[in-house]
Amino acid sequence: MKLAKIAVETPLEDVKQALEEKGHEVIMFTNEEEAKGSNLAVVRTLSETVADAEQFGFPFVSMEGMSVDEIVEDVEQRLNR
């Protein structure tokens, strides 16, 4: 699996920590502008702004209804595609 630069929406510190433990470079962000340049972003929910993700050129993962472990698994599956 390739390691990636992942943007995690503030305040999802537990997700950031779990991804760092897997060896990924993780940055926190509060708006889509700060997430640019990442391979993937983790957000609390997919809002309309994020739904326009094509303009950013990388996928977004929504935490809605998922545990931290499920998020990490989802992120790694997407990175392996």
N, C-alpha and C. Protein backbone atom coordinates (compact mmCIF):
# COMPACT_ATOMS: atom_id res chain seq x y z
N MET A 1 0.84 -1.20 0.00
CA MET A 1 0.00 0.00 0.00
C MET A 1 0.87 1.25 0.00
N LYS A 2 0.51 2.21 -0.84
CA LYS A 2 1.29 3.45 -0.87
C LYS A 2 0.83 4.38 0.24
N LEU A 3 1.77 5.08 0.82
CA LEU A 3 1.43 6.06 1.85
C LEU A 3 1.00 7.34 1.16
N ALA A 4 0.17 8.10 1.85
CA ALA A 4 -0.46 9.25 1.20
C ALA A 4 -0.47 10.46 2.11
N LYS A 5 -0.72 11.61 1.48
CA LYS A 5 -0.97 12.83 2.22
C LYS A 5 -2.49 12.96 2.35
N ILE A 6 -2.96 12.94 3.58
CA ILE A 6 -4.40 12.93 3.83
C ILE A 6 -4.78 14.16 4.64
N ALA A 7 -5.83 14.82 4.21
CA ALA A 7 -6.36 15.99 4.93
C ALA A 7 -7.54 15.51 5.77
N VAL A 8 -7.52 15.85 7.06
CA VAL A 8 -8.59 15.45 7.97
C VAL A 8 -9.24 16.71 8.53
N GLU A 9 -10.56 16.76 8.42
CA GLU A 9 -11.30 17.94 8.87
C GLU A 9 -11.16 18.13 10.38
N THR A 10 -10.85 19.36 10.79
CA THR A 10 -10.84 19.70 12.21
C THR A 10 -12.26 19.50 12.73
N PRO A 11 -12.52 18.88 13.84
CA PRO A 11 -11.65 18.48 14.94
C PRO A 11 -11.42 16.96 15.03
N LEU A 12 -11.32 16.25 13.92
CA LEU A 12 -11.26 14.79 13.94
C LEU A 12 -9.86 14.27 14.29
N GLU A 13 -9.39 14.67 15.47
CA GLU A 13 -8.03 14.36 15.92
C GLU A 13 -7.80 12.84 16.04
N ASP A 14 -8.83 12.09 16.45
CA ASP A 14 -8.67 10.63 16.60
C ASP A 14 -8.43 9.96 15.25
N VAL A 15 -9.07 10.48 14.20
CA VAL A 15 -8.86 9.94 12.85
C VAL A 15 -7.45 10.28 12.39
N LYS A 16 -7.02 11.51 12.63
CA LYS A 16 -5.66 11.94 12.27
C LYS A 16 -4.63 11.01 12.91
N GLN A 17 -4.80 10.76 14.19
CA GLN A 17 -3.86 9.92 14.93
C GLN A 17 -3.84 8.49 14.36
N ALA A 18 -5.01 7.93 14.10
CA ALA A 18 -5.10 6.56 13.58
C ALA A 18 -4.41 6.45 12.21
N LEU A 19 -4.58 7.46 11.36
CA LEU A 19 -3.96 7.43 10.03
C LEU A 19 -2.45 7.62 10.13
N GLU A 20 -2.00 8.47 11.07
CA GLU A 20 -0.56 8.66 11.27
C GLU A 20 0.09 7.36 11.75
N GLU A 21 -0.63 6.61 12.58
CA GLU A 21 -0.10 5.34 13.06
C GLU A 21 0.11 4.35 11.92
N LYS A 22 -0.64 4.53 10.83
CA LYS A 22 -0.48 3.69 9.64
C LYS A 22 0.64 4.20 8.74
N GLY A 23 1.23 5.34 9.11
CA GLY A 23 2.36 5.87 8.37
C GLY A 23 2.04 6.97 7.37
N HIS A 24 0.79 7.41 7.34
CA HIS A 24 0.41 8.47 6.39
C HIS A 24 0.80 9.84 6.93
N GLU A 25 1.01 10.77 6.00
CA GLU A 25 1.21 12.18 6.36
C GLU A 25 -0.19 12.78 6.47
N VAL A 26 -0.51 13.35 7.63
CA VAL A 26 -1.87 13.85 7.85
C VAL A 26 -1.83 15.32 8.25
N ILE A 27 -2.67 16.12 7.58
CA ILE A 27 -2.82 17.53 7.96
C ILE A 27 -4.27 17.75 8.37
N MET A 28 -4.48 18.71 9.26
CA MET A 28 -5.84 19.08 9.66
C MET A 28 -6.27 20.26 8.78
N PHE A 29 -7.58 20.32 8.46
CA PHE A 29 -8.06 21.46 7.68
C PHE A 29 -9.43 21.91 8.17
N THR A 30 -9.72 23.19 7.94
CA THR A 30 -11.03 23.74 8.30
C THR A 30 -11.82 24.15 7.08
N ASN A 31 -11.15 24.27 5.92
CA ASN A 31 -11.88 24.56 4.67
C ASN A 31 -11.22 23.82 3.52
N GLU A 32 -11.95 23.70 2.42
CA GLU A 32 -11.46 22.91 1.29
C GLU A 32 -10.15 23.44 0.73
N GLU A 33 -9.95 24.75 0.82
CA GLU A 33 -8.71 25.36 0.30
C GLU A 33 -7.48 24.75 0.98
N GLU A 34 -7.56 24.54 2.30
CA GLU A 34 -6.42 23.99 3.06
C GLU A 34 -6.17 22.52 2.71
N ALA A 35 -7.16 21.84 2.17
CA ALA A 35 -7.02 20.42 1.85
C ALA A 35 -6.38 20.19 0.49
N LYS A 36 -6.27 21.23 -0.32
CA LYS A 36 -5.70 21.08 -1.67
C LYS A 36 -4.30 20.49 -1.60
N GLY A 37 -3.98 19.66 -2.58
CA GLY A 37 -2.66 19.04 -2.62
C GLY A 37 -2.62 17.71 -1.89
N SER A 38 -3.73 17.31 -1.30
CA SER A 38 -3.80 16.03 -0.60
C SER A 38 -4.21 14.93 -1.58
N ASN A 39 -3.96 13.68 -1.19
CA ASN A 39 -4.41 12.54 -2.00
C ASN A 39 -5.87 12.22 -1.71
N LEU A 40 -6.31 12.62 -0.51
CA LEU A 40 -7.65 12.24 -0.05
C LEU A 40 -7.98 13.11 1.16
N ALA A 41 -9.26 13.33 1.41
CA ALA A 41 -9.68 14.10 2.58
C ALA A 41 -10.76 13.35 3.34
N VAL A 42 -10.72 13.47 4.67
CA VAL A 42 -11.74 12.88 5.53
C VAL A 42 -12.55 14.03 6.13
N VAL A 43 -13.88 13.98 5.95
CA VAL A 43 -14.76 15.04 6.45
C VAL A 43 -15.83 14.45 7.35
N ARG A 44 -16.44 15.31 8.18
CA ARG A 44 -17.52 14.84 9.06
C ARG A 44 -18.73 14.41 8.26
N THR A 45 -19.17 15.27 7.36
CA THR A 45 -20.29 14.93 6.46
C THR A 45 -19.99 15.53 5.10
N LEU A 46 -20.57 14.97 4.07
CA LEU A 46 -20.39 15.53 2.73
C LEU A 46 -21.38 16.66 2.53
N SER A 47 -20.88 17.88 2.57
CA SER A 47 -21.72 19.06 2.36
C SER A 47 -21.80 19.34 0.87
N GLU A 48 -22.58 20.34 0.51
CA GLU A 48 -22.68 20.68 -0.91
C GLU A 48 -21.33 21.16 -1.47
N THR A 49 -20.57 21.85 -0.66
CA THR A 49 -19.27 22.35 -1.13
C THR A 49 -18.36 21.17 -1.44
N VAL A 50 -18.37 20.20 -0.56
CA VAL A 50 -17.50 19.04 -0.75
C VAL A 50 -18.04 18.15 -1.87
N ALA A 51 -19.35 18.16 -2.06
CA ALA A 51 -19.94 17.36 -3.13
C ALA A 51 -19.38 17.79 -4.48
N ASP A 52 -18.85 18.98 -4.54
CA ASP A 52 -18.22 19.50 -5.75
C ASP A 52 -16.74 19.10 -5.79
N ALA A 53 -16.45 17.92 -5.27
CA ALA A 53 -15.07 17.46 -5.06
C ALA A 53 -14.25 17.33 -6.34
N GLU A 54 -14.91 17.19 -7.49
CA GLU A 54 -14.16 17.02 -8.75
C GLU A 54 -13.15 18.14 -8.96
N GLN A 55 -13.51 19.34 -8.54
CA GLN A 55 -12.61 20.48 -8.77
C GLN A 55 -11.32 20.35 -7.96
N PHE A 56 -11.33 19.52 -6.92
CA PHE A 56 -10.13 19.37 -6.09
C PHE A 56 -9.24 18.24 -6.61
N GLY A 57 -9.79 17.34 -7.38
CA GLY A 57 -8.98 16.29 -7.98
C GLY A 57 -8.60 15.17 -7.04
N PHE A 58 -9.27 15.05 -5.91
CA PHE A 58 -9.02 13.92 -5.01
C PHE A 58 -10.31 13.56 -4.29
N PRO A 59 -10.41 12.32 -3.82
CA PRO A 59 -11.66 11.87 -3.19
C PRO A 59 -11.82 12.36 -1.75
N PHE A 60 -13.07 12.40 -1.33
CA PHE A 60 -13.41 12.72 0.04
C PHE A 60 -14.07 11.50 0.68
N VAL A 61 -13.76 11.24 1.94
CA VAL A 61 -14.40 10.17 2.69
C VAL A 61 -15.23 10.84 3.78
N SER A 62 -16.50 10.47 3.89
CA SER A 62 -17.36 11.02 4.94
C SER A 62 -17.37 10.10 6.14
N MET A 63 -17.24 10.68 7.33
CA MET A 63 -17.23 9.91 8.57
C MET A 63 -18.61 9.49 9.02
N GLU A 64 -19.64 10.05 8.41
CA GLU A 64 -21.00 9.83 8.87
C GLU A 64 -21.29 8.35 9.11
N GLY A 65 -21.63 8.01 10.36
CA GLY A 65 -22.01 6.66 10.71
C GLY A 65 -20.88 5.65 10.73
N MET A 66 -19.63 6.11 10.70
CA MET A 66 -18.50 5.19 10.67
C MET A 66 -17.60 5.37 11.89
N SER A 67 -16.99 4.27 12.33
CA SER A 67 -16.03 4.34 13.43
C SER A 67 -14.67 4.77 12.86
N VAL A 68 -13.75 5.10 13.75
CA VAL A 68 -12.40 5.50 13.32
C VAL A 68 -11.75 4.35 12.53
N ASP A 69 -11.90 3.11 13.03
CA ASP A 69 -11.32 1.96 12.33
C ASP A 69 -11.90 1.79 10.93
N GLU A 70 -13.21 2.01 10.81
CA GLU A 70 -13.86 1.89 9.50
C GLU A 70 -13.37 2.97 8.55
N ILE A 71 -13.14 4.16 9.08
CA ILE A 71 -12.61 5.27 8.26
C ILE A 71 -11.23 4.91 7.73
N VAL A 72 -10.36 4.43 8.63
CA VAL A 72 -8.99 4.07 8.22
C VAL A 72 -9.04 3.00 7.14
N GLU A 73 -9.90 2.00 7.32
CA GLU A 73 -10.04 0.92 6.34
C GLU A 73 -10.53 1.48 4.99
N ASP A 74 -11.53 2.35 5.04
CA ASP A 74 -12.08 2.95 3.83
C ASP A 74 -11.01 3.78 3.10
N VAL A 75 -10.25 4.58 3.85
CA VAL A 75 -9.19 5.40 3.28
C VAL A 75 -8.17 4.51 2.58
N GLU A 76 -7.74 3.45 3.25
CA GLU A 76 -6.70 2.59 2.68
C GLU A 76 -7.20 1.84 1.46
N GLN A 77 -8.47 1.45 1.46
CA GLN A 77 -9.04 0.80 0.28
C GLN A 77 -9.05 1.75 -0.91
N ARG A 78 -9.43 3.00 -0.67
CA ARG A 78 -9.45 3.99 -1.75
C ARG A 78 -8.06 4.26 -2.29
N LEU A 79 -7.07 4.29 -1.42
CA LEU A 79 -5.70 4.57 -1.83
C LEU A 79 -5.15 3.42 -2.67
N ASN A 80 -5.65 2.23 -2.46
CA ASN A 80 -5.15 1.06 -3.18
C ASN A 80 -5.81 0.86 -4.53
N ARG A 81 -6.81 1.64 -4.85
CA ARG A 81 -7.52 1.48 -6.14
C ARG A 81 -6.66 1.98 -7.28
